[in-house]
């Protein structure tokens, strides 16, 4: 009430609560638990087996998804590599044409200098993307990377050594874009032998 002083302690009125049975006697556990039916040992074991099977399924699905994700990423990278290889393979004949034009021209000619610059820039770009040029003179013949047009005895070269390159080879990330066309030294005597 207004204007009235309160000098003494607050009085509290006790509220009576109905007596309760212990939770165990009522069949309850926890704060707001419902009655829990008693389970037999067989039912508990069945539930444990079901839990273990579900856990195994989850682990298996997780592993399958992880493998799927890795396969999709690998396929995506492979598709990118395939597309780049197709483009680079299409540019290789342009380099051949520039090489032939440079061989037939004169180095002091401005047109020759322009073609030389174009060739060097194109080659620098291809190499920066991972394209490798194969000019195997003096190396052993490799049927995986070279195509032999002829075999003939050549003084100063061991049998099976590449002695001349007719057309350079190219590869991209370990994939052969085009084999080098070569002449291979052959032991013994005789004329040129074409390989088909």
N, C-alpha and C. Protein backbone atom coordinates (compact mmCIF):
# COMPACT_ATOMS: atom_id res chain seq x y z
N UNK A 1 0.82 -1.18 0.00
CA UNK A 1 0.00 0.00 0.00
C UNK A 1 0.86 1.23 0.00
N UNK A 2 0.27 2.35 -0.46
CA UNK A 2 1.04 3.57 -0.58
C UNK A 2 1.23 4.20 0.79
N UNK A 3 2.42 4.72 0.97
CA UNK A 3 2.75 5.47 2.17
C UNK A 3 2.94 4.63 3.41
N UNK A 4 2.86 3.38 3.32
CA UNK A 4 3.04 2.54 4.49
C UNK A 4 4.42 1.96 4.52
N UNK A 5 5.11 2.11 5.66
CA UNK A 5 6.45 1.55 5.81
C UNK A 5 6.35 0.10 6.19
N UNK A 6 7.34 -0.62 5.70
CA UNK A 6 7.40 -2.04 6.04
C UNK A 6 8.67 -2.26 6.81
N UNK A 7 8.56 -2.48 8.13
CA UNK A 7 9.74 -2.59 8.97
C UNK A 7 10.22 -4.01 9.13
N UNK A 8 9.39 -4.96 9.10
CA UNK A 8 9.79 -6.33 9.40
C UNK A 8 10.10 -7.13 8.16
N UNK A 9 10.60 -8.36 8.40
CA UNK A 9 10.90 -9.23 7.27
C UNK A 9 9.63 -9.62 6.53
N UNK A 10 9.80 -9.92 5.22
CA UNK A 10 8.65 -10.37 4.43
C UNK A 10 8.14 -11.67 4.99
N UNK A 11 6.86 -11.77 4.99
CA UNK A 11 6.28 -13.02 5.45
C UNK A 11 6.07 -13.91 4.23
N UNK A 12 6.46 -15.14 4.33
CA UNK A 12 6.22 -16.09 3.25
C UNK A 12 5.22 -17.09 3.71
N UNK A 13 4.32 -17.39 2.85
CA UNK A 13 3.28 -18.35 3.18
C UNK A 13 3.68 -19.68 2.56
N UNK A 14 3.86 -20.73 3.38
CA UNK A 14 4.22 -22.02 2.80
C UNK A 14 3.08 -22.57 1.97
N UNK A 15 3.43 -23.16 0.82
CA UNK A 15 2.45 -23.80 -0.07
C UNK A 15 2.60 -25.29 0.11
N UNK A 16 1.53 -25.96 0.34
CA UNK A 16 1.59 -27.41 0.55
C UNK A 16 1.69 -28.10 -0.79
N UNK A 17 2.61 -29.04 -0.91
CA UNK A 17 2.74 -29.85 -2.12
C UNK A 17 2.33 -31.26 -1.78
N UNK A 18 1.65 -31.89 -2.74
CA UNK A 18 1.21 -33.26 -2.44
C UNK A 18 2.43 -34.19 -2.37
N UNK A 19 2.43 -35.13 -1.49
CA UNK A 19 3.54 -36.07 -1.39
C UNK A 19 3.64 -36.88 -2.67
N UNK A 20 4.90 -37.16 -3.08
CA UNK A 20 5.12 -37.91 -4.31
C UNK A 20 5.85 -39.19 -4.00
N UNK A 21 5.56 -40.18 -4.86
CA UNK A 21 6.28 -41.44 -4.73
C UNK A 21 7.63 -41.29 -5.41
N UNK A 22 8.64 -42.02 -4.99
CA UNK A 22 9.92 -41.99 -5.72
C UNK A 22 9.68 -42.43 -7.18
N UNK A 23 10.52 -41.83 -8.10
CA UNK A 23 10.35 -42.10 -9.52
C UNK A 23 10.46 -43.58 -9.85
N UNK A 24 11.33 -44.29 -9.15
CA UNK A 24 11.52 -45.71 -9.46
C UNK A 24 10.24 -46.49 -9.20
N UNK A 25 9.50 -46.10 -8.11
CA UNK A 25 8.28 -46.81 -7.79
C UNK A 25 7.19 -46.53 -8.80
N UNK A 26 7.19 -45.35 -9.41
CA UNK A 26 6.18 -45.02 -10.39
C UNK A 26 6.54 -45.55 -11.78
N UNK A 27 7.77 -46.11 -11.98
CA UNK A 27 8.20 -46.61 -13.29
C UNK A 27 8.73 -45.51 -14.17
N UNK A 28 9.20 -44.40 -13.59
CA UNK A 28 9.70 -43.28 -14.36
C UNK A 28 11.18 -43.12 -14.09
N UNK A 29 11.89 -42.63 -15.10
CA UNK A 29 13.29 -42.28 -14.92
C UNK A 29 13.52 -40.95 -15.59
N UNK A 30 14.47 -40.14 -15.13
CA UNK A 30 14.78 -38.85 -15.73
C UNK A 30 13.77 -37.80 -15.33
N UNK A 31 13.92 -36.61 -15.92
CA UNK A 31 13.11 -35.46 -15.54
C UNK A 31 11.67 -35.62 -15.99
N UNK A 32 11.45 -35.86 -17.27
CA UNK A 32 10.08 -35.97 -17.77
C UNK A 32 9.90 -37.30 -18.49
N UNK A 33 10.37 -38.35 -17.88
CA UNK A 33 10.36 -39.66 -18.51
C UNK A 33 8.98 -40.29 -18.46
N UNK A 34 8.77 -41.12 -19.47
CA UNK A 34 7.54 -41.91 -19.53
C UNK A 34 7.87 -43.31 -19.03
N UNK A 35 6.91 -44.08 -18.72
CA UNK A 35 7.21 -45.44 -18.26
C UNK A 35 7.97 -46.21 -19.33
N UNK A 36 9.02 -46.92 -18.94
CA UNK A 36 9.86 -47.71 -19.85
C UNK A 36 9.53 -49.17 -19.64
N UNK A 37 9.12 -49.82 -20.74
CA UNK A 37 8.81 -51.25 -20.57
C UNK A 37 10.11 -52.02 -20.37
N UNK A 38 10.05 -53.04 -19.64
CA UNK A 38 11.22 -53.88 -19.40
C UNK A 38 11.52 -54.67 -20.66
N UNK A 39 12.82 -54.75 -21.05
CA UNK A 39 13.23 -55.48 -22.25
C UNK A 39 13.92 -56.77 -21.84
N UNK A 40 13.69 -57.78 -22.64
CA UNK A 40 14.38 -59.03 -22.38
C UNK A 40 15.78 -58.97 -22.94
N UNK A 41 16.60 -59.86 -22.51
CA UNK A 41 17.99 -59.92 -22.99
C UNK A 41 18.03 -60.12 -24.50
N UNK A 42 17.12 -60.92 -25.04
CA UNK A 42 17.08 -61.16 -26.48
C UNK A 42 16.72 -59.88 -27.24
N UNK A 43 15.78 -59.12 -26.70
CA UNK A 43 15.39 -57.87 -27.34
C UNK A 43 16.54 -56.86 -27.32
N UNK A 44 17.26 -56.81 -26.22
CA UNK A 44 18.42 -55.91 -26.12
C UNK A 44 19.48 -56.31 -27.13
N UNK A 45 19.74 -57.59 -27.25
CA UNK A 45 20.72 -58.07 -28.23
C UNK A 45 20.26 -57.77 -29.66
N UNK A 46 18.96 -57.93 -29.91
CA UNK A 46 18.43 -57.62 -31.24
C UNK A 46 18.60 -56.14 -31.55
N UNK A 47 18.35 -55.29 -30.58
CA UNK A 47 18.54 -53.85 -30.77
C UNK A 47 20.01 -53.51 -31.01
N UNK A 48 20.89 -54.16 -30.30
CA UNK A 48 22.33 -53.92 -30.50
C UNK A 48 22.77 -54.35 -31.90
N UNK A 49 22.26 -55.50 -32.35
CA UNK A 49 22.59 -55.96 -33.71
C UNK A 49 22.07 -54.97 -34.75
N UNK A 50 20.85 -54.51 -34.55
CA UNK A 50 20.27 -53.54 -35.49
C UNK A 50 21.08 -52.25 -35.50
N UNK A 51 21.49 -51.80 -34.31
CA UNK A 51 22.33 -50.59 -34.21
C UNK A 51 23.64 -50.80 -34.96
N UNK A 52 24.28 -51.95 -34.76
CA UNK A 52 25.55 -52.23 -35.43
C UNK A 52 25.38 -52.30 -36.94
N UNK A 53 24.26 -52.90 -37.39
CA UNK A 53 24.01 -52.98 -38.84
C UNK A 53 23.80 -51.59 -39.43
N UNK A 54 23.04 -50.75 -38.72
CA UNK A 54 22.81 -49.38 -39.20
C UNK A 54 24.11 -48.59 -39.23
N UNK A 55 24.94 -48.76 -38.22
CA UNK A 55 26.24 -48.08 -38.20
C UNK A 55 27.09 -48.54 -39.37
N UNK A 56 27.08 -49.84 -39.64
CA UNK A 56 27.84 -50.38 -40.77
C UNK A 56 27.33 -49.83 -42.10
N UNK A 57 26.00 -49.72 -42.24
CA UNK A 57 25.43 -49.15 -43.47
C UNK A 57 25.83 -47.70 -43.65
N UNK A 58 25.81 -46.93 -42.56
CA UNK A 58 26.20 -45.53 -42.64
C UNK A 58 27.66 -45.41 -43.06
N UNK A 59 28.54 -46.23 -42.47
CA UNK A 59 29.96 -46.19 -42.83
C UNK A 59 30.16 -46.58 -44.29
N UNK A 60 29.42 -47.60 -44.74
CA UNK A 60 29.53 -48.04 -46.12
C UNK A 60 29.06 -46.96 -47.09
N UNK A 61 27.92 -46.33 -46.76
CA UNK A 61 27.40 -45.26 -47.62
C UNK A 61 28.37 -44.07 -47.64
N UNK A 62 28.97 -43.77 -46.52
CA UNK A 62 29.94 -42.68 -46.48
C UNK A 62 31.14 -43.00 -47.36
N UNK A 63 31.63 -44.24 -47.30
CA UNK A 63 32.77 -44.64 -48.14
C UNK A 63 32.38 -44.61 -49.62
N UNK A 64 31.16 -45.09 -49.94
CA UNK A 64 30.70 -45.07 -51.33
C UNK A 64 30.61 -43.64 -51.85
N UNK A 65 30.08 -42.74 -51.02
CA UNK A 65 29.97 -41.34 -51.44
C UNK A 65 31.34 -40.72 -51.63
N UNK A 66 32.27 -41.03 -50.74
CA UNK A 66 33.63 -40.50 -50.87
C UNK A 66 34.27 -41.00 -52.17
N UNK A 67 34.10 -42.29 -52.46
CA UNK A 67 34.63 -42.84 -53.72
C UNK A 67 33.96 -42.19 -54.93
N UNK A 68 32.65 -41.98 -54.85
CA UNK A 68 31.92 -41.33 -55.93
C UNK A 68 32.45 -39.92 -56.16
N UNK A 69 32.63 -39.16 -55.07
CA UNK A 69 33.14 -37.79 -55.18
C UNK A 69 34.52 -37.78 -55.83
N UNK A 70 35.39 -38.71 -55.41
CA UNK A 70 36.73 -38.79 -56.00
C UNK A 70 36.66 -39.15 -57.48
N UNK A 71 35.76 -40.08 -57.83
CA UNK A 71 35.63 -40.50 -59.23
C UNK A 71 35.13 -39.35 -60.10
N UNK A 72 34.16 -38.58 -59.58
CA UNK A 72 33.63 -37.44 -60.34
C UNK A 72 34.74 -36.40 -60.55
N UNK A 73 35.53 -36.14 -59.51
CA UNK A 73 36.63 -35.17 -59.63
C UNK A 73 37.67 -35.66 -60.64
N UNK A 74 37.98 -36.96 -60.58
CA UNK A 74 38.96 -37.54 -61.51
C UNK A 74 38.43 -37.44 -62.95
N UNK A 75 37.13 -37.75 -63.14
CA UNK A 75 36.53 -37.67 -64.47
C UNK A 75 36.52 -36.23 -64.98
N UNK A 76 36.24 -35.28 -64.08
CA UNK A 76 36.23 -33.87 -64.47
C UNK A 76 37.62 -33.42 -64.92
N UNK A 77 38.63 -33.83 -64.17
CA UNK A 77 40.00 -33.47 -64.55
C UNK A 77 40.39 -34.14 -65.87
N UNK A 78 39.98 -35.40 -66.04
CA UNK A 78 40.31 -36.12 -67.28
C UNK A 78 39.63 -35.45 -68.48
N UNK A 79 38.39 -35.02 -68.29
CA UNK A 79 37.68 -34.34 -69.39
C UNK A 79 38.39 -33.04 -69.76
N UNK A 80 38.89 -32.32 -68.76
CA UNK A 80 39.64 -31.09 -69.03
C UNK A 80 40.92 -31.38 -69.78
N UNK A 81 41.62 -32.44 -69.36
CA UNK A 81 42.87 -32.83 -70.03
C UNK A 81 42.60 -33.27 -71.46
N UNK A 82 41.51 -34.02 -71.67
CA UNK A 82 41.16 -34.47 -73.02
C UNK A 82 40.86 -33.28 -73.94
N UNK A 83 40.10 -32.31 -73.41
CA UNK A 83 39.75 -31.14 -74.22
C UNK A 83 41.00 -30.33 -74.57
N UNK A 84 41.88 -30.12 -73.58
CA UNK A 84 43.11 -29.37 -73.85
C UNK A 84 43.99 -30.11 -74.86
N UNK A 85 44.10 -31.43 -74.71
CA UNK A 85 44.92 -32.22 -75.63
C UNK A 85 44.40 -32.11 -77.06
N UNK A 86 43.08 -32.11 -77.22
CA UNK A 86 42.50 -31.99 -78.57
C UNK A 86 42.84 -30.63 -79.19
N UNK A 87 42.79 -29.58 -78.38
CA UNK A 87 43.13 -28.24 -78.89
C UNK A 87 44.61 -28.17 -79.27
N UNK A 88 45.47 -28.66 -78.38
CA UNK A 88 46.91 -28.59 -78.64
C UNK A 88 47.28 -29.45 -79.85
N UNK A 89 46.63 -30.60 -80.00
CA UNK A 89 46.90 -31.46 -81.15
C UNK A 89 46.53 -30.73 -82.45
N UNK A 90 45.47 -29.93 -82.40
CA UNK A 90 45.06 -29.16 -83.58
C UNK A 90 46.04 -28.03 -83.90
N UNK A 91 46.81 -27.56 -82.92
CA UNK A 91 47.77 -26.48 -83.16
C UNK A 91 49.12 -26.98 -83.69
N UNK A 92 49.39 -28.27 -83.50
CA UNK A 92 50.69 -28.83 -83.92
C UNK A 92 50.96 -28.64 -85.41
N UNK A 93 49.99 -28.88 -86.32
CA UNK A 93 50.26 -28.65 -87.74
C UNK A 93 50.61 -27.20 -88.06
N UNK A 94 50.09 -26.26 -87.28
CA UNK A 94 50.43 -24.86 -87.49
C UNK A 94 51.92 -24.64 -87.25
N UNK A 95 52.45 -25.28 -86.22
CA UNK A 95 53.90 -25.19 -85.97
C UNK A 95 54.68 -25.79 -87.13
N UNK A 96 54.20 -26.93 -87.65
CA UNK A 96 54.88 -27.55 -88.80
C UNK A 96 54.91 -26.59 -89.99
N UNK A 97 53.78 -25.94 -90.26
CA UNK A 97 53.72 -25.01 -91.39
C UNK A 97 54.65 -23.82 -91.18
N UNK A 98 54.70 -23.32 -89.97
CA UNK A 98 55.62 -22.21 -89.69
C UNK A 98 57.07 -22.65 -89.85
N UNK A 99 57.39 -23.88 -89.39
CA UNK A 99 58.76 -24.40 -89.57
C UNK A 99 59.12 -24.49 -91.04
N UNK A 100 58.20 -25.04 -91.86
CA UNK A 100 58.48 -25.16 -93.30
C UNK A 100 58.64 -23.79 -93.95
N UNK A 101 57.81 -22.83 -93.56
CA UNK A 101 57.91 -21.48 -94.13
C UNK A 101 59.23 -20.83 -93.73
N UNK A 102 59.67 -21.06 -92.51
CA UNK A 102 60.94 -20.47 -92.06
C UNK A 102 62.13 -21.11 -92.78
N UNK A 103 62.04 -22.42 -93.05
CA UNK A 103 63.12 -23.10 -93.76
C UNK A 103 63.28 -22.58 -95.18
N UNK A 104 62.18 -22.16 -95.80
CA UNK A 104 62.26 -21.71 -97.20
C UNK A 104 62.47 -20.20 -97.33
N UNK A 105 62.36 -19.47 -96.23
CA UNK A 105 62.51 -18.01 -96.30
C UNK A 105 63.92 -17.55 -96.00
N UNK A 106 64.09 -16.23 -96.01
CA UNK A 106 65.38 -15.61 -95.72
C UNK A 106 65.32 -14.91 -94.36
N UNK A 107 66.30 -15.16 -93.48
CA UNK A 107 66.27 -14.60 -92.13
C UNK A 107 66.22 -13.07 -92.06
N UNK A 108 66.68 -12.34 -93.05
CA UNK A 108 66.66 -10.88 -92.99
C UNK A 108 65.35 -10.28 -93.49
N UNK A 109 64.46 -11.09 -94.00
CA UNK A 109 63.18 -10.64 -94.53
C UNK A 109 62.22 -10.33 -93.36
N UNK A 110 61.54 -9.18 -93.37
CA UNK A 110 60.59 -8.85 -92.29
C UNK A 110 59.47 -9.88 -92.15
N UNK A 111 59.04 -10.44 -93.27
CA UNK A 111 58.00 -11.47 -93.22
C UNK A 111 58.52 -12.71 -92.48
N UNK A 112 59.76 -13.09 -92.77
CA UNK A 112 60.37 -14.23 -92.10
C UNK A 112 60.47 -13.96 -90.60
N UNK A 113 60.89 -12.75 -90.24
CA UNK A 113 61.02 -12.40 -88.82
C UNK A 113 59.67 -12.44 -88.12
N UNK A 114 58.61 -12.00 -88.81
CA UNK A 114 57.26 -12.07 -88.23
C UNK A 114 56.81 -13.51 -88.01
N UNK A 115 57.09 -14.39 -89.00
CA UNK A 115 56.73 -15.80 -88.84
C UNK A 115 57.53 -16.44 -87.71
N UNK A 116 58.81 -16.10 -87.62
CA UNK A 116 59.66 -16.64 -86.56
C UNK A 116 59.13 -16.21 -85.18
N UNK A 117 58.75 -14.95 -85.05
CA UNK A 117 58.21 -14.46 -83.80
C UNK A 117 56.90 -15.18 -83.46
N UNK A 118 56.03 -15.35 -84.46
CA UNK A 118 54.76 -16.05 -84.26
C UNK A 118 55.00 -17.48 -83.80
N UNK A 119 55.95 -18.16 -84.46
CA UNK A 119 56.26 -19.54 -84.09
C UNK A 119 56.78 -19.62 -82.67
N UNK A 120 57.71 -18.71 -82.31
CA UNK A 120 58.28 -18.74 -80.96
C UNK A 120 57.21 -18.48 -79.89
N UNK A 121 56.31 -17.53 -80.17
CA UNK A 121 55.25 -17.23 -79.19
C UNK A 121 54.28 -18.40 -79.05
N UNK A 122 53.90 -19.01 -80.17
CA UNK A 122 53.01 -20.16 -80.12
C UNK A 122 53.66 -21.32 -79.36
N UNK A 123 54.92 -21.58 -79.66
CA UNK A 123 55.64 -22.66 -78.98
C UNK A 123 55.79 -22.36 -77.49
N UNK A 124 56.09 -21.11 -77.14
CA UNK A 124 56.21 -20.73 -75.72
C UNK A 124 54.88 -20.93 -74.99
N UNK A 125 53.78 -20.58 -75.65
CA UNK A 125 52.47 -20.78 -75.04
C UNK A 125 52.20 -22.26 -74.82
N UNK A 126 52.44 -23.09 -75.84
CA UNK A 126 52.20 -24.53 -75.71
C UNK A 126 53.06 -25.13 -74.59
N UNK A 127 54.31 -24.74 -74.55
CA UNK A 127 55.19 -25.27 -73.49
C UNK A 127 54.75 -24.80 -72.11
N UNK A 128 54.23 -23.58 -72.01
CA UNK A 128 53.75 -23.09 -70.70
C UNK A 128 52.52 -23.86 -70.24
N UNK A 129 51.80 -24.47 -71.17
CA UNK A 129 50.62 -25.26 -70.83
C UNK A 129 50.95 -26.73 -70.58
N UNK A 130 52.22 -27.10 -70.75
CA UNK A 130 52.64 -28.48 -70.48
C UNK A 130 52.90 -29.32 -71.71
N UNK A 131 52.84 -28.72 -72.89
CA UNK A 131 53.14 -29.46 -74.12
C UNK A 131 54.65 -29.59 -74.25
N UNK A 132 55.11 -30.82 -74.55
CA UNK A 132 56.55 -31.07 -74.73
C UNK A 132 56.84 -31.36 -76.19
N UNK A 133 57.97 -30.83 -76.67
CA UNK A 133 58.40 -31.06 -78.05
C UNK A 133 59.46 -32.16 -78.01
N UNK A 134 59.33 -33.13 -78.92
CA UNK A 134 60.28 -34.24 -78.98
C UNK A 134 61.10 -34.16 -80.26
N UNK A 135 62.39 -33.93 -80.09
CA UNK A 135 63.33 -33.89 -81.20
C UNK A 135 64.43 -34.90 -80.82
N UNK A 136 64.20 -36.20 -81.10
CA UNK A 136 65.02 -37.26 -80.51
C UNK A 136 66.32 -37.63 -81.23
N UNK A 137 66.94 -36.73 -81.97
CA UNK A 137 68.18 -37.07 -82.66
C UNK A 137 69.23 -37.49 -81.62
N UNK A 138 69.88 -38.64 -81.90
CA UNK A 138 70.93 -39.14 -81.01
C UNK A 138 70.41 -40.01 -79.88
N UNK A 139 69.11 -40.15 -79.75
CA UNK A 139 68.53 -40.99 -78.69
C UNK A 139 68.11 -42.33 -79.27
N UNK A 140 67.95 -43.32 -78.41
CA UNK A 140 67.47 -44.63 -78.90
C UNK A 140 66.05 -44.51 -79.43
N UNK A 141 65.76 -45.28 -80.46
CA UNK A 141 64.43 -45.31 -81.04
C UNK A 141 63.44 -45.87 -80.03
N UNK A 142 62.31 -45.19 -79.85
CA UNK A 142 61.25 -45.61 -78.93
C UNK A 142 59.97 -45.75 -79.73
N UNK A 143 59.52 -46.99 -79.96
CA UNK A 143 58.31 -47.17 -80.78
C UNK A 143 57.06 -46.57 -80.17
N UNK A 144 57.08 -46.26 -78.88
CA UNK A 144 55.93 -45.63 -78.23
C UNK A 144 55.84 -44.14 -78.58
N UNK A 145 56.99 -43.50 -78.86
CA UNK A 145 57.01 -42.05 -79.10
C UNK A 145 57.50 -41.66 -80.49
N UNK A 146 58.05 -42.65 -81.24
CA UNK A 146 58.61 -42.34 -82.56
C UNK A 146 57.98 -43.24 -83.61
N UNK A 147 57.94 -42.72 -84.83
CA UNK A 147 57.51 -43.53 -85.97
C UNK A 147 58.66 -43.52 -86.96
N UNK A 148 59.22 -44.71 -87.22
CA UNK A 148 60.38 -44.81 -88.10
C UNK A 148 59.92 -44.85 -89.56
N UNK A 149 60.46 -43.92 -90.34
CA UNK A 149 60.17 -43.92 -91.77
C UNK A 149 61.21 -44.73 -92.54
N UNK A 150 62.41 -44.80 -91.99
CA UNK A 150 63.46 -45.58 -92.66
C UNK A 150 64.49 -46.05 -91.64
N UNK A 151 65.16 -47.15 -92.00
CA UNK A 151 66.27 -47.71 -91.24
C UNK A 151 67.43 -47.83 -92.21
N UNK A 152 68.57 -47.27 -91.88
CA UNK A 152 69.72 -47.39 -92.77
C UNK A 152 71.01 -47.25 -91.97
N UNK A 153 72.07 -47.85 -92.47
CA UNK A 153 73.36 -47.73 -91.78
C UNK A 153 73.85 -46.29 -91.86
N UNK A 154 74.30 -45.76 -90.74
CA UNK A 154 74.83 -44.40 -90.68
C UNK A 154 76.10 -44.44 -89.84
N UNK A 155 77.19 -43.97 -90.44
CA UNK A 155 78.47 -43.98 -89.72
C UNK A 155 78.40 -43.09 -88.48
N UNK A 156 78.94 -43.60 -87.39
CA UNK A 156 79.01 -42.82 -86.16
C UNK A 156 77.78 -42.96 -85.27
N UNK A 157 76.79 -43.75 -85.67
CA UNK A 157 75.60 -43.95 -84.84
C UNK A 157 75.43 -45.43 -84.55
N UNK A 158 75.08 -45.74 -83.32
CA UNK A 158 74.84 -47.13 -82.92
C UNK A 158 73.52 -47.61 -83.51
N UNK A 159 73.41 -48.91 -83.64
CA UNK A 159 72.21 -49.53 -84.16
C UNK A 159 71.01 -49.13 -83.27
N UNK A 160 69.90 -48.71 -83.90
CA UNK A 160 68.70 -48.36 -83.15
C UNK A 160 68.66 -46.92 -82.65
N UNK A 161 69.62 -46.10 -83.11
CA UNK A 161 69.65 -44.70 -82.68
C UNK A 161 68.96 -43.83 -83.73
N UNK A 162 68.22 -42.84 -83.28
CA UNK A 162 67.56 -41.90 -84.20
C UNK A 162 68.64 -40.97 -84.77
N UNK A 163 68.73 -40.94 -86.10
CA UNK A 163 69.77 -40.12 -86.74
C UNK A 163 69.21 -38.87 -87.43
N UNK A 164 67.91 -38.87 -87.69
CA UNK A 164 67.32 -37.70 -88.33
C UNK A 164 65.84 -37.62 -87.95
N UNK A 165 65.35 -36.40 -87.80
CA UNK A 165 63.93 -36.19 -87.47
C UNK A 165 63.29 -35.46 -88.66
N UNK A 166 62.30 -36.11 -89.27
CA UNK A 166 61.58 -35.50 -90.39
C UNK A 166 60.47 -34.57 -89.90
N UNK A 167 59.88 -34.96 -88.77
CA UNK A 167 58.81 -34.16 -88.17
C UNK A 167 58.84 -34.38 -86.66
N UNK A 168 58.89 -33.29 -85.90
CA UNK A 168 58.99 -33.39 -84.44
C UNK A 168 57.71 -34.00 -83.85
N UNK A 169 57.90 -34.61 -82.69
CA UNK A 169 56.76 -35.17 -81.97
C UNK A 169 56.36 -34.26 -80.82
N UNK A 170 55.12 -34.43 -80.35
CA UNK A 170 54.61 -33.60 -79.26
C UNK A 170 53.82 -34.48 -78.29
N UNK A 171 53.91 -34.11 -77.00
CA UNK A 171 53.11 -34.81 -76.00
C UNK A 171 52.58 -33.79 -75.00
N UNK A 172 51.50 -34.18 -74.32
CA UNK A 172 50.88 -33.31 -73.31
C UNK A 172 50.51 -34.16 -72.11
N UNK A 173 51.13 -33.85 -70.97
CA UNK A 173 50.87 -34.55 -69.71
C UNK A 173 50.99 -36.07 -69.89
N UNK A 174 52.06 -36.48 -70.54
CA UNK A 174 52.31 -37.90 -70.73
C UNK A 174 51.52 -38.53 -71.86
N UNK A 175 50.66 -37.77 -72.50
CA UNK A 175 49.85 -38.28 -73.61
C UNK A 175 50.47 -37.85 -74.93
N UNK A 176 50.72 -38.80 -75.80
CA UNK A 176 51.34 -38.49 -77.09
C UNK A 176 50.33 -37.80 -77.99
N UNK A 177 50.63 -36.57 -78.39
CA UNK A 177 49.77 -35.86 -79.34
C UNK A 177 50.10 -36.29 -80.76
N UNK A 178 51.41 -36.49 -80.99
CA UNK A 178 51.84 -36.93 -82.31
C UNK A 178 53.24 -37.51 -82.18
N UNK A 179 53.50 -38.69 -82.80
CA UNK A 179 54.85 -39.25 -82.72
C UNK A 179 55.81 -38.51 -83.65
N UNK A 180 57.07 -38.52 -83.29
CA UNK A 180 58.09 -37.94 -84.16
C UNK A 180 58.35 -38.89 -85.32
N UNK A 181 58.46 -38.35 -86.54
CA UNK A 181 58.81 -39.16 -87.71
C UNK A 181 60.33 -39.12 -87.85
N UNK A 182 60.95 -40.30 -87.84
CA UNK A 182 62.41 -40.35 -87.73
C UNK A 182 63.04 -41.35 -88.70
N UNK A 183 64.37 -41.17 -88.85
CA UNK A 183 65.21 -42.16 -89.54
C UNK A 183 66.07 -42.79 -88.45
N UNK A 184 66.19 -44.12 -88.49
CA UNK A 184 66.88 -44.87 -87.44
C UNK A 184 68.10 -45.56 -88.04
N UNK A 185 69.21 -45.50 -87.30
CA UNK A 185 70.44 -46.18 -87.74
C UNK A 185 70.24 -47.68 -87.64
N UNK A 186 70.79 -48.39 -88.65
CA UNK A 186 70.66 -49.84 -88.69
C UNK A 186 72.05 -50.43 -88.82
N UNK A 187 72.30 -51.48 -88.07
CA UNK A 187 73.61 -52.15 -88.15
C UNK A 187 73.76 -52.89 -89.46
N UNK A 188 75.00 -53.14 -89.85
CA UNK A 188 75.27 -53.88 -91.08
C UNK A 188 75.28 -52.96 -92.29
N UNK A 189 75.25 -53.56 -93.46
CA UNK A 189 75.30 -52.79 -94.71
C UNK A 189 74.00 -52.97 -95.45
N UNK A 190 73.73 -52.07 -96.33
CA UNK A 190 72.52 -52.18 -97.14
C UNK A 190 71.94 -50.81 -97.37
N UNK A 191 70.85 -50.77 -98.13
CA UNK A 191 70.22 -49.51 -98.46
C UNK A 191 69.14 -49.13 -97.48
N UNK A 192 68.39 -48.14 -97.86
CA UNK A 192 67.30 -47.65 -97.02
C UNK A 192 66.17 -48.66 -97.03
N UNK A 193 65.63 -48.88 -95.81
CA UNK A 193 64.53 -49.83 -95.70
C UNK A 193 63.35 -49.11 -95.07
N UNK A 194 62.27 -48.98 -95.82
CA UNK A 194 61.09 -48.27 -95.30
C UNK A 194 60.33 -49.18 -94.36
N UNK A 195 59.81 -48.62 -93.30
CA UNK A 195 59.00 -49.36 -92.34
C UNK A 195 57.56 -48.94 -92.51
N UNK A 196 56.68 -49.92 -92.62
CA UNK A 196 55.25 -49.60 -92.81
C UNK A 196 54.49 -49.96 -91.58
